Amino acid sequence: MMAAWAAAGVSMPHYSGAQYTRFPRVSLNQMQPGDLVFWGAGGGSHVGLYVGNGLMIHSPHTGDVVKVAAVFGSPVGAVRPG
């Protein structure tokens, strides 16, 4: 997430929980491409980059490759950087 948004000139912390608290919240049903979507208490468990049509880009776990996948489960929220 950091690298993608850095390309647009937006800096953000490494930890997903800090990203979740830093930017304006967006309703999950109002997400737009580029928004970050989070899981876990305080957004600290996982983050994906929303690309539209119910899909996101994320790394499922450390050591895995970045993938396009459906937004799954019950995200705790979303933010709009920039």
C-alpha atoms as a PDB file:
ATOM      1  CA  MET A   1       0.000   0.000   0.000  1.00  0.00           C
ATOM      2  CA  MET A   2       2.845   2.310   0.874  1.00  0.00           C
ATOM      3  CA  ALA A   3       4.509   1.956  -2.536  1.00  0.00           C
ATOM      4  CA  ALA A   4       1.289   2.315  -4.496  1.00  0.00           C
ATOM      5  CA  TRP A   5       0.290   5.510  -2.724  1.00  0.00           C
ATOM      6  CA  ALA A   6       3.872   6.833  -2.658  1.00  0.00           C
ATOM      7  CA  ALA A   7       3.739   6.824  -6.472  1.00  0.00           C
ATOM      8  CA  ALA A   8       0.869   9.314  -6.098  1.00  0.00           C
ATOM      9  CA  GLY A   9       2.861  11.428  -3.632  1.00  0.00           C
ATOM     10  CA  VAL A  10       1.088  10.237  -0.478  1.00  0.00           C
ATOM     11  CA  SER A  11       3.192   8.938   2.406  1.00  0.00           C
ATOM     12  CA  MET A  12       1.784   6.601   5.014  1.00  0.00           C
ATOM     13  CA  PRO A  13       3.005   4.505   7.920  1.00  0.00           C
ATOM     14  CA  HIS A  14       4.005   0.875   7.397  1.00  0.00           C
ATOM     15  CA  TYR A  15       1.596  -0.631   9.977  1.00  0.00           C
ATOM     16  CA  SER A  16      -1.952  -1.174   8.713  1.00  0.00           C
ATOM     17  CA  GLY A  17      -3.509  -0.080  12.013  1.00  0.00           C
ATOM     18  CA  ALA A  18      -1.745   3.280  11.718  1.00  0.00           C
ATOM     19  CA  GLN A  19      -2.918   3.603   8.113  1.00  0.00           C
ATOM     20  CA  TYR A  20      -6.490   2.944   9.269  1.00  0.00           C
ATOM     21  CA  THR A  21      -6.404   5.777  11.801  1.00  0.00           C
ATOM     22  CA  ARG A  22      -4.533   8.278   9.601  1.00  0.00           C
ATOM     23  CA  PHE A  23      -6.951   8.823   6.716  1.00  0.00           C
ATOM     24  CA  PRO A  24     -10.650   9.735   6.361  1.00  0.00           C
ATOM     25  CA  ARG A  25     -13.045   6.819   6.745  1.00  0.00           C
ATOM     26  CA  VAL A  26     -15.189   5.659   3.849  1.00  0.00           C
ATOM     27  CA  SER A  27     -18.331   3.548   4.081  1.00  0.00           C
ATOM     28  CA  LEU A  28     -17.699   0.033   2.764  1.00  0.00           C
ATOM     29  CA  ASN A  29     -20.547   0.447   0.268  1.00  0.00           C
ATOM     30  CA  GLN A  30     -18.999   3.718  -0.982  1.00  0.00           C
ATOM     31  CA  MET A  31     -15.483   2.410  -1.661  1.00  0.00           C
ATOM     32  CA  GLN A  32     -13.750   3.612  -4.804  1.00  0.00           C
ATOM     33  CA  PRO A  33     -10.636   2.276  -6.534  1.00  0.00           C
ATOM     34  CA  GLY A  34      -7.582   3.265  -4.498  1.00  0.00           C
ATOM     35  CA  ASP A  35      -9.313   3.082  -1.122  1.00  0.00           C
ATOM     36  CA  LEU A  36      -7.747   0.855   1.521  1.00  0.00           C
ATOM     37  CA  VAL A  37      -9.938  -1.814   3.135  1.00  0.00           C
ATOM     38  CA  PHE A  38      -9.035  -3.289   6.557  1.00  0.00           C
ATOM     39  CA  TRP A  39      -9.639  -6.317   8.769  1.00  0.00           C
ATOM     40  CA  GLY A  40      -9.095  -6.929  12.474  1.00  0.00           C
ATOM     41  CA  ALA A  41      -9.315  -4.758  15.553  1.00  0.00           C
ATOM     42  CA  GLY A  42      -8.323  -1.223  14.662  1.00  0.00           C
ATOM     43  CA  GLY A  43      -7.503  -2.354  11.133  1.00  0.00           C
ATOM     44  CA  GLY A  44      -4.375  -4.049  12.418  1.00  0.00           C
ATOM     45  CA  SER A  45      -4.742  -7.537  10.929  1.00  0.00           C
ATOM     46  CA  HIS A  46      -4.844  -7.055   7.170  1.00  0.00           C
ATOM     47  CA  VAL A  47      -5.190  -4.414   4.463  1.00  0.00           C
ATOM     48  CA  GLY A  48      -6.081  -4.523   0.780  1.00  0.00           C
ATOM     49  CA  LEU A  49      -6.173  -1.934  -1.989  1.00  0.00           C
ATOM     50  CA  TYR A  50      -9.673  -1.757  -3.460  1.00  0.00           C
ATOM     51  CA  VAL A  51      -9.726  -1.843  -7.281  1.00  0.00           C
ATOM     52  CA  GLY A  52     -13.488  -1.862  -7.876  1.00  0.00           C
ATOM     53  CA  ASN A  53     -16.221  -4.409  -8.596  1.00  0.00           C
ATOM     54  CA  GLY A  54     -15.730  -6.088  -5.208  1.00  0.00           C
ATOM     55  CA  LEU A  55     -12.048  -6.818  -5.901  1.00  0.00           C
ATOM     56  CA  MET A  56      -8.839  -5.800  -4.161  1.00  0.00           C
ATOM     57  CA  ILE A  57      -5.098  -6.261  -4.475  1.00  0.00           C
ATOM     58  CA  HIS A  58      -3.417  -7.778  -1.418  1.00  0.00           C
ATOM     59  CA  SER A  59      -0.729 -10.105  -0.200  1.00  0.00           C
ATOM     60  CA  PRO A  60      -2.549 -12.971   1.544  1.00  0.00           C
ATOM     61  CA  HIS A  61       0.326 -13.585   3.978  1.00  0.00           C
ATOM     62  CA  THR A  62       4.011 -12.869   4.440  1.00  0.00           C
ATOM     63  CA  GLY A  63       6.049 -14.492   1.700  1.00  0.00           C
ATOM     64  CA  ASP A  64       3.114 -14.843  -0.694  1.00  0.00           C
ATOM     65  CA  VAL A  65       2.817 -12.942  -3.964  1.00  0.00           C
ATOM     66  CA  VAL A  66       0.481 -10.005  -4.418  1.00  0.00           C
ATOM     67  CA  LYS A  67      -2.862 -11.144  -5.829  1.00  0.00           C
ATOM     68  CA  VAL A  68      -6.181  -9.803  -7.053  1.00  0.00           C
ATOM     69  CA  ALA A  69      -8.968 -11.296  -4.947  1.00  0.00           C
ATOM     70  CA  ALA A  70     -12.536 -10.644  -3.892  1.00  0.00           C
ATOM     71  CA  VAL A  71     -12.997  -8.522  -0.776  1.00  0.00           C
ATOM     72  CA  PHE A  72     -13.725 -11.269   1.746  1.00  0.00           C
ATOM     73  CA  GLY A  73     -15.296 -11.777   5.149  1.00  0.00           C
ATOM     74  CA  SER A  74     -16.186  -8.813   7.299  1.00  0.00           C
ATOM     75  CA  PRO A  75     -13.837  -5.856   6.845  1.00  0.00           C
ATOM     76  CA  VAL A  76     -13.824  -3.418   9.780  1.00  0.00           C
ATOM     77  CA  GLY A  77     -13.691  -0.394   7.504  1.00  0.00           C
ATOM     78  CA  ALA A  78     -12.080   1.508   4.692  1.00  0.00           C
ATOM     79  CA  VAL A  79     -10.155   4.767   4.280  1.00  0.00           C
ATOM     80  CA  ARG A  80      -9.394   7.097   1.418  1.00  0.00           C
ATOM     81  CA  PRO A  81      -5.734   8.267   1.388  1.00  0.00           C
ATOM     82  CA  GLY A  82      -4.699  11.452  -0.312  1.00  0.00           C
END
